[in-house]
Amino acid sequence: MNNSRYKTISQFFGREPVVLAVYIVITLLASIQQYLLPEQIIGTSKLPVSNYNNYVIFKNSFFHLLANRNLYTFYLTEQWDLFKYSPTFALFMGLFAFLPNWLGLTLWNALNTLVLFFGIKHLPHLSRSTTVKIRWFVLIELLTSIQNSQSNGLILGLFIWSFIYLERGNLVWATLFILFSIFIKVFGIVGFVLFLVYPRKLAAFSYTSLWTVLLVILPLIVVSYQQLFDQYQNWVVLLQNDHSSSIGLSVMGWLNTWFSLVPSKGIVVVIGCVLLLLPLLRVAQYQYYHYRLLILASILIWVVIFNHKAESPTFIIAIGGVGLWYFSQPSTITNKVLVILAFVFTSLSSTDVFPTAVREMIVLPYVLKAVFCIAIWVKITVDLVTIDWETTTLKRLNVSLKS
């Protein structure tokens, strides 16, 4: 009876409409919560700041662009913190800017949610039950991101959609999705590592060049050439000055808090790049789907754990990579232990499941949100370098045929 009841519950929550409904409800509730929570005082400005300040920054960037105001300076009477994305993204936010905040915020969060939801759903060569499990697995971390009205769910979705179109051989859309992620957050450029395992590299370069030119000049719809040039100059200056003393929830933070090491960020990133690219030496493995999928998972985790500015809401990207890694292959004891630790300390540590005192005295000081993502990335890298993917693919096929 218990087994029958468990099977019924599992079947219910494995239905596509149920999963979609949960994603939509979570998005609506998070948006309502953000909108209705009282404003708070941040820093020394003594000015009230809304709980959806990130959305306000994104929205205001469009009006700053129209008014030919520097996008990359403080506007503390309007918002807290800086706008750090491209002029093209500022133009894109015009889709939401004229809407009332309650509606624009909800639609912005819904965009992040649904691009990711349908991206995971359409991942090729994975069973429906597998994609459902991945969507449930990333849900809590997605909630953390949208509660901060962040763009990270959208970034993860764009990476996944680029992978989908690479698998379909459609370089037009594959290059556009990766490029748009770069025009949101520049670390999206790491996504081009994925293109190295696919053929038609010259075509990919051509489409990338065309889309880049188009996206760079797109704001000319509303500003002059000189105005746009000035905005890009200001953006470059901001990015150059953004290499602050922050070490974030990253490899740098882990090395510092666990081992009292303060290595050069440049050296850490270079070593990370070498390790990220190392599996690509195995050219003969490019033909196997699960090898390519793990390259995607590796990239998704890498862009977070090697980002010195990584914050808690950014980890939806990394946890997406963890989900792809774990649920796309047969479970092992090692993998199961790692994924449980990642779920507990990466996803749940930001929730009320963890008492505030535990978060402040253990989780945050020892960057536990990042630690198990780092361990999983190392495991993925080792697997990519050592596993015979032909044999592994045949084993998966045999298991599938028997079942």
Protein backbone atom coordinates (compact mmCIF):
# COMPACT_ATOMS: atom_id res chain seq x y z
CA MET A 1 0.00 0.00 0.00
CA ASN A 2 2.80 2.36 0.92
CA ASN A 3 4.62 1.57 -2.32
CA SER A 4 1.42 2.16 -4.27
CA ARG A 5 0.83 5.48 -2.54
CA TYR A 6 4.44 6.55 -3.17
CA LYS A 7 4.10 5.61 -6.84
CA THR A 8 0.89 7.64 -7.13
CA ILE A 9 2.49 10.70 -5.53
CA SER A 10 5.60 10.32 -7.69
CA GLN A 11 3.49 10.07 -10.84
CA PHE A 12 1.47 13.16 -9.86
CA PHE A 13 4.53 15.34 -9.26
CA GLY A 14 6.15 13.93 -12.39
CA ARG A 15 3.42 15.33 -14.64
CA GLU A 16 4.47 18.23 -16.85
CA PRO A 17 1.44 20.42 -16.06
CA VAL A 18 2.04 19.98 -12.33
CA VAL A 19 5.72 20.97 -12.57
CA LEU A 20 4.84 23.97 -14.74
CA ALA A 21 2.09 25.04 -12.34
CA VAL A 22 4.53 24.89 -9.41
CA TYR A 23 7.06 27.02 -11.31
CA ILE A 24 4.39 29.60 -12.14
CA VAL A 25 3.00 29.70 -8.58
CA ILE A 26 6.49 30.03 -7.10
CA THR A 27 7.21 32.91 -9.49
CA LEU A 28 3.97 34.70 -8.64
CA LEU A 29 4.41 34.29 -4.89
CA ALA A 30 8.03 35.47 -5.01
CA SER A 31 7.04 38.52 -7.07
CA ILE A 32 4.16 39.40 -4.74
CA GLN A 33 6.43 39.00 -1.73
CA GLN A 34 9.07 41.27 -3.26
CA TYR A 35 6.54 43.92 -4.20
CA LEU A 36 4.69 44.00 -0.87
CA LEU A 37 7.62 43.82 1.55
CA PRO A 38 8.36 47.24 3.09
CA GLU A 39 11.28 49.26 1.84
CA GLN A 40 14.52 49.07 3.77
CA ILE A 41 17.46 51.36 4.50
CA ILE A 42 20.76 50.16 3.01
CA GLY A 43 24.18 51.64 3.60
CA THR A 44 24.71 55.23 4.66
CA SER A 45 22.41 56.89 2.12
CA LYS A 46 19.43 56.77 4.53
CA LEU A 47 17.20 56.43 1.48
CA PRO A 48 14.55 53.68 1.37
CA VAL A 49 15.25 50.87 -1.08
CA SER A 50 12.66 48.45 -2.47
CA ASN A 51 13.03 44.68 -2.07
CA TYR A 52 13.13 44.38 -5.86
CA ASN A 53 15.99 46.83 -6.23
CA ASN A 54 17.72 44.76 -8.95
CA TYR A 55 14.63 45.00 -11.15
CA VAL A 56 14.50 48.76 -10.49
CA ILE A 57 18.14 49.06 -11.60
CA PHE A 58 17.39 47.12 -14.81
CA LYS A 59 14.27 49.16 -15.51
CA ASN A 60 15.92 52.52 -14.82
CA SER A 61 18.78 51.67 -17.15
CA PHE A 62 16.40 51.95 -20.09
CA PHE A 63 15.34 55.48 -19.11
CA HIS A 64 18.95 56.45 -18.43
CA LEU A 65 19.83 55.20 -21.91
CA LEU A 66 17.04 57.26 -23.49
CA ALA A 67 18.12 60.36 -21.58
CA ASN A 68 21.80 59.88 -22.57
CA ARG A 69 22.82 59.60 -18.93
CA ASN A 70 25.83 57.53 -17.92
CA LEU A 71 24.48 54.02 -17.34
CA TYR A 72 27.40 53.09 -15.12
CA THR A 73 27.32 55.59 -12.30
CA PHE A 74 25.38 55.76 -9.05
CA TYR A 75 21.81 57.08 -8.93
CA LEU A 76 21.26 56.74 -5.20
CA THR A 77 18.05 58.77 -5.21
CA GLU A 78 16.54 56.19 -7.60
CA GLN A 79 18.20 52.87 -6.74
CA TRP A 80 20.90 51.19 -4.70
CA ASP A 81 24.04 49.92 -6.48
CA LEU A 82 25.27 50.13 -10.06
CA PHE A 83 23.99 48.87 -13.39
CA LYS A 84 26.71 46.54 -14.74
CA TYR A 85 25.23 45.13 -17.94
CA SER A 86 25.50 46.24 -21.55
CA PRO A 87 23.68 49.14 -23.26
CA THR A 88 21.92 46.46 -25.32
CA PHE A 89 20.48 44.92 -22.16
CA ALA A 90 19.35 48.38 -21.06
CA LEU A 91 17.48 48.66 -24.37
CA PHE A 92 15.98 45.20 -23.87
CA MET A 93 14.54 46.31 -20.52
CA GLY A 94 12.38 48.72 -22.45
CA LEU A 95 10.01 45.76 -22.83
CA PHE A 96 9.24 46.12 -19.11
CA ALA A 97 10.12 49.73 -18.31
CA PHE A 98 6.74 51.35 -19.04
CA LEU A 99 4.77 48.77 -17.08
CA PRO A 100 3.75 49.32 -13.46
CA ASN A 101 6.33 47.79 -11.17
CA TRP A 102 4.08 45.00 -9.89
CA LEU A 103 3.46 43.79 -13.46
CA GLY A 104 6.93 44.42 -14.85
CA LEU A 105 8.57 42.65 -11.92
CA THR A 106 6.27 39.64 -12.30
CA LEU A 107 6.90 39.37 -16.04
CA TRP A 108 10.65 39.76 -15.55
CA ASN A 109 10.71 36.95 -13.00
CA ALA A 110 8.46 34.85 -15.26
CA LEU A 111 10.90 35.32 -18.15
CA ASN A 112 13.71 33.95 -15.98
CA THR A 113 11.57 31.04 -14.83
CA LEU A 114 10.04 29.98 -18.14
CA VAL A 115 13.15 30.26 -20.32
CA LEU A 116 14.84 27.89 -17.86
CA PHE A 117 11.83 25.59 -17.44
CA PHE A 118 11.34 24.97 -21.15
CA GLY A 119 15.08 24.82 -21.79
CA ILE A 120 15.48 21.89 -19.41
CA LYS A 121 12.32 20.29 -20.80
CA HIS A 122 13.72 20.29 -24.34
CA LEU A 123 17.18 18.92 -23.54
CA PRO A 124 17.75 16.20 -26.16
CA HIS A 125 18.36 12.51 -25.46
CA LEU A 126 17.13 12.75 -21.86
CA SER A 127 13.96 11.02 -20.74
CA ARG A 128 10.98 13.06 -19.60
CA SER A 129 11.42 11.75 -16.05
CA THR A 130 15.05 12.92 -16.06
CA THR A 131 14.19 16.45 -17.14
CA VAL A 132 11.42 16.56 -14.53
CA LYS A 133 13.90 15.56 -11.81
CA ILE A 134 16.33 18.27 -12.92
CA ARG A 135 13.57 20.90 -12.80
CA TRP A 136 12.57 19.90 -9.27
CA PHE A 137 16.21 19.83 -8.21
CA VAL A 138 16.96 23.42 -9.31
CA LEU A 139 13.68 24.91 -8.08
CA ILE A 140 14.83 26.12 -4.65
CA GLU A 141 17.92 27.77 -6.07
CA LEU A 142 15.80 29.38 -8.79
CA LEU A 143 13.52 30.76 -6.08
CA THR A 144 16.55 32.33 -4.38
CA SER A 145 17.46 34.03 -7.65
CA ILE A 146 14.01 35.39 -8.47
CA GLN A 147 13.48 36.55 -4.89
CA ASN A 148 16.37 38.88 -5.68
CA SER A 149 14.86 39.76 -9.11
CA GLN A 150 18.14 38.60 -10.62
CA SER A 151 18.91 37.55 -14.21
CA ASN A 152 20.66 34.28 -13.36
CA GLY A 153 17.75 31.99 -14.22
CA LEU A 154 17.68 33.61 -17.65
CA ILE A 155 21.45 33.16 -18.03
CA LEU A 156 21.18 29.45 -17.21
CA GLY A 157 18.28 29.09 -19.63
CA LEU A 158 20.23 30.80 -22.42
CA PHE A 159 23.19 28.45 -21.92
CA ILE A 160 20.88 25.44 -22.09
CA TRP A 161 19.05 26.70 -25.19
CA SER A 162 22.38 27.33 -26.90
CA PHE A 163 23.35 23.71 -26.15
CA ILE A 164 20.00 22.50 -27.51
CA TYR A 165 20.50 24.34 -30.79
CA LEU A 166 24.10 23.17 -31.06
CA GLU A 167 22.78 19.62 -30.79
CA ARG A 168 20.26 20.41 -33.52
CA GLY A 169 23.01 21.86 -35.72
CA ASN A 170 21.35 25.29 -35.74
CA LEU A 171 24.23 27.72 -35.24
CA VAL A 172 22.12 30.81 -35.90
CA TRP A 173 20.19 30.42 -32.63
CA ALA A 174 23.00 28.74 -30.70
CA THR A 175 25.32 31.71 -31.20
CA LEU A 176 22.59 34.28 -30.52
CA PHE A 177 21.65 32.77 -27.15
CA ILE A 178 25.24 32.64 -25.92
CA LEU A 179 25.92 36.17 -27.14
CA PHE A 180 22.82 37.54 -25.44
CA SER A 181 24.02 35.98 -22.17
CA ILE A 182 27.31 37.87 -22.63
CA PHE A 183 25.45 41.14 -23.15
CA ILE A 184 23.76 40.48 -19.82
CA LYS A 185 26.78 39.18 -17.86
CA VAL A 186 30.18 39.11 -19.51
CA PHE A 187 31.11 35.74 -17.99
CA GLY A 188 28.74 34.25 -20.57
CA ILE A 189 31.73 34.34 -22.93
CA VAL A 190 32.90 31.09 -21.28
CA GLY A 191 29.94 29.45 -23.03
CA PHE A 192 31.88 29.54 -26.28
CA VAL A 193 34.06 26.74 -24.90
CA LEU A 194 31.08 24.50 -25.65
CA PHE A 195 31.30 25.37 -29.35
CA LEU A 196 34.76 23.79 -29.54
CA VAL A 197 33.31 20.27 -29.36
CA TYR A 198 31.02 20.81 -32.36
CA PRO A 199 31.82 20.91 -36.09
CA ARG A 200 31.34 23.91 -38.42
CA LYS A 201 33.52 26.20 -36.33
CA LEU A 202 34.00 28.68 -39.18
CA ALA A 203 30.24 29.00 -39.58
CA ALA A 204 29.88 29.49 -35.82
CA PHE A 205 32.51 32.23 -35.96
CA SER A 206 30.68 33.92 -38.85
CA TYR A 207 27.30 33.89 -37.10
CA THR A 208 28.95 35.07 -33.88
CA SER A 209 30.51 38.01 -35.69
CA LEU A 210 27.23 39.00 -37.34
CA TRP A 211 25.20 38.74 -34.14
CA THR A 212 27.89 40.62 -32.19
CA VAL A 213 27.78 43.57 -34.57
CA LEU A 214 23.99 43.61 -34.49
CA LEU A 215 23.76 43.44 -30.69
CA VAL A 216 26.48 46.08 -30.24
CA ILE A 217 24.76 48.63 -32.48
CA LEU A 218 21.15 47.78 -31.57
CA PRO A 219 20.86 50.69 -29.08
CA LEU A 220 21.34 53.06 -32.03
CA ILE A 221 17.57 52.71 -32.34
CA VAL A 222 17.27 55.21 -29.46
CA VAL A 223 20.69 56.94 -29.17
CA SER A 224 23.26 58.48 -31.46
CA TYR A 225 26.52 56.83 -32.46
CA GLN A 226 28.58 59.10 -30.16
CA GLN A 227 26.23 58.51 -27.24
CA LEU A 228 26.46 54.76 -27.70
CA PHE A 229 30.24 54.91 -28.01
CA ASP A 230 30.43 56.83 -24.74
CA GLN A 231 28.23 54.26 -23.00
CA TYR A 232 30.50 51.42 -24.10
CA GLN A 233 33.53 53.35 -22.89
CA ASN A 234 31.85 53.83 -19.52
CA TRP A 235 30.99 50.12 -19.38
CA VAL A 236 34.62 49.14 -20.04
CA VAL A 237 35.79 51.47 -17.28
CA LEU A 238 33.29 49.94 -14.86
CA LEU A 239 34.38 46.40 -15.70
CA GLN A 240 38.05 47.32 -15.31
CA ASN A 241 37.37 48.79 -11.88
CA ASP A 242 35.11 45.95 -10.80
CA HIS A 243 38.02 43.64 -9.96
CA SER A 244 37.64 44.55 -6.30
CA SER A 245 38.94 42.93 -3.15
CA SER A 246 35.83 40.74 -3.04
CA ILE A 247 36.46 37.00 -3.29
CA GLY A 248 32.82 35.96 -3.16
CA LEU A 249 31.47 32.43 -2.82
CA SER A 250 34.18 31.11 -5.09
CA VAL A 251 37.36 29.07 -5.34
CA MET A 252 39.22 32.16 -4.14
CA GLY A 253 36.91 32.42 -1.13
CA TRP A 254 37.37 28.72 -0.36
CA LEU A 255 41.16 28.92 -0.55
CA ASN A 256 41.14 31.96 1.71
CA THR A 257 38.74 30.76 4.40
CA TRP A 258 39.88 27.14 4.55
CA PHE A 259 43.61 27.48 4.01
CA SER A 260 44.34 31.18 4.66
CA LEU A 261 45.68 31.46 1.10
CA VAL A 262 45.38 34.69 -0.87
CA PRO A 263 46.50 33.75 -4.39
CA SER A 264 46.32 36.12 -7.31
CA LYS A 265 42.86 36.06 -8.84
CA GLY A 266 44.45 36.04 -12.26
CA ILE A 267 46.50 32.96 -11.47
CA VAL A 268 43.48 31.13 -10.04
CA VAL A 269 41.41 31.92 -13.14
CA VAL A 270 44.24 30.83 -15.48
CA ILE A 271 44.57 27.51 -13.65
CA GLY A 272 40.79 27.15 -13.79
CA CYS A 273 40.82 27.81 -17.55
CA VAL A 274 43.51 25.18 -18.11
CA LEU A 275 41.50 22.60 -16.17
CA LEU A 276 38.28 23.57 -17.96
CA LEU A 277 39.93 23.11 -21.36
CA LEU A 278 41.91 20.00 -20.47
CA PRO A 279 39.10 17.52 -21.37
CA LEU A 280 38.91 19.06 -24.84
CA LEU A 281 42.20 17.34 -25.68
CA ARG A 282 40.18 14.12 -26.00
CA VAL A 283 38.89 14.95 -29.48
CA ALA A 284 37.73 11.38 -30.11
CA GLN A 285 35.19 11.74 -27.30
CA TYR A 286 33.37 14.68 -28.91
CA GLN A 287 30.98 12.29 -30.69
CA TYR A 288 29.34 11.08 -27.46
CA TYR A 289 26.33 13.01 -26.20
CA HIS A 290 26.95 12.52 -22.48
CA TYR A 291 30.51 13.78 -22.88
CA ARG A 292 29.14 16.96 -24.51
CA LEU A 293 26.46 17.30 -21.82
CA LEU A 294 29.10 17.08 -19.09
CA ILE A 295 31.13 19.76 -20.84
CA LEU A 296 28.04 21.98 -20.51
CA ALA A 297 27.67 21.01 -16.83
CA SER A 298 31.34 21.82 -16.23
CA ILE A 299 30.98 25.26 -17.85
CA LEU A 300 27.86 26.09 -15.82
CA ILE A 301 29.60 25.34 -12.54
CA TRP A 302 32.88 26.96 -13.65
CA VAL A 303 31.38 30.39 -14.40
CA VAL A 304 30.18 30.60 -10.80
CA ILE A 305 32.96 29.05 -8.73
CA PHE A 306 35.70 31.00 -10.56
CA ASN A 307 33.77 34.27 -10.36
CA HIS A 308 35.21 36.43 -7.57
CA LYS A 309 31.90 38.34 -7.44
CA ALA A 310 29.73 35.23 -7.05
CA GLU A 311 26.79 35.76 -4.70
CA SER A 312 24.12 33.41 -3.43
CA PRO A 313 21.57 34.14 -6.24
CA THR A 314 24.21 33.31 -8.86
CA PHE A 315 24.26 29.66 -7.80
CA ILE A 316 21.18 28.73 -9.82
CA ILE A 317 23.66 28.54 -12.72
CA ALA A 318 26.01 26.19 -10.86
CA ILE A 319 23.22 24.06 -9.41
CA GLY A 320 21.87 23.70 -12.95
CA GLY A 321 25.21 22.16 -13.90
CA VAL A 322 25.06 19.89 -10.85
CA GLY A 323 21.59 18.71 -11.87
CA LEU A 324 22.66 17.95 -15.43
CA TRP A 325 25.68 16.02 -14.16
CA TYR A 326 23.85 13.91 -11.59
CA PHE A 327 20.54 13.06 -13.25
CA SER A 328 21.90 12.33 -16.73
CA GLN A 329 23.88 9.26 -15.63
CA PRO A 330 23.49 6.17 -13.44
CA SER A 331 23.88 7.02 -9.76
CA THR A 332 26.96 5.96 -7.79
CA ILE A 333 27.54 6.23 -4.03
CA THR A 334 30.11 8.99 -4.56
CA ASN A 335 27.84 10.98 -6.85
CA LYS A 336 24.87 10.54 -4.52
CA VAL A 337 26.81 11.80 -1.49
CA LEU A 338 28.12 14.80 -3.44
CA VAL A 339 24.72 15.78 -4.84
CA ILE A 340 23.06 15.52 -1.41
CA LEU A 341 25.76 17.70 0.14
CA ALA A 342 25.41 20.21 -2.71
CA PHE A 343 21.63 20.30 -2.33
CA VAL A 344 21.83 20.79 1.43
CA PHE A 345 24.63 23.34 1.57
CA THR A 346 24.13 25.12 -1.75
CA SER A 347 20.34 25.20 -2.12
CA LEU A 348 18.97 24.79 1.40
CA SER A 349 21.58 26.88 3.22
CA SER A 350 19.93 30.07 1.89
CA THR A 351 16.53 29.08 3.26
CA ASP A 352 14.97 29.02 6.72
CA VAL A 353 15.82 25.33 6.96
CA PHE A 354 19.18 26.58 8.25
CA PRO A 355 18.96 28.68 11.42
CA THR A 356 20.36 32.16 11.01
CA ALA A 357 23.09 31.47 13.58
CA VAL A 358 24.30 28.42 11.62
CA ARG A 359 24.38 30.41 8.38
CA GLU A 360 26.30 33.29 9.93
CA MET A 361 28.80 31.24 11.97
CA ILE A 362 29.43 28.27 9.66
CA VAL A 363 27.88 28.41 6.18
CA LEU A 364 28.94 31.93 5.18
CA PRO A 365 32.41 32.09 6.81
CA TYR A 366 33.41 28.75 5.31
CA VAL A 367 31.74 29.41 1.92
CA LEU A 368 29.90 26.08 2.18
CA LYS A 369 27.49 27.20 -0.53
CA ALA A 370 30.38 26.89 -2.98
CA VAL A 371 32.45 24.06 -1.53
CA PHE A 372 30.47 21.09 -2.80
CA CYS A 373 29.93 22.68 -6.20
CA ILE A 374 33.73 22.95 -6.37
CA ALA A 375 34.06 19.27 -5.40
CA ILE A 376 31.53 18.24 -8.05
CA TRP A 377 33.29 20.32 -10.70
CA VAL A 378 36.56 18.54 -9.87
CA LYS A 379 34.73 15.19 -10.13
CA ILE A 380 33.26 16.17 -13.52
CA THR A 381 36.69 17.25 -14.78
CA VAL A 382 38.27 13.97 -13.68
CA ASP A 383 35.46 11.98 -15.33
CA LEU A 384 35.78 13.93 -18.57
CA VAL A 385 39.51 13.27 -18.66
CA THR A 386 39.45 9.59 -17.68
CA ILE A 387 36.17 7.88 -18.63
CA ASP A 388 35.85 5.89 -21.85
CA TRP A 389 32.65 7.50 -23.09
CA GLU A 390 32.13 4.92 -25.81
CA THR A 391 31.93 2.14 -23.21
CA THR A 392 29.81 4.29 -20.89
CA THR A 393 27.38 5.13 -23.69
CA LEU A 394 27.01 1.43 -24.59
CA LYS A 395 26.32 0.57 -20.94
CA ARG A 396 23.60 3.21 -20.78
CA LEU A 397 22.10 1.87 -24.01
CA ASN A 398 22.06 -1.70 -22.67
CA VAL A 399 20.40 -0.60 -19.44
CA SER A 400 17.82 1.33 -21.45
CA LEU A 401 17.06 -1.68 -23.68
CA LYS A 402 16.70 -4.02 -20.70
CA SER A 403 14.34 -1.69 -18.92
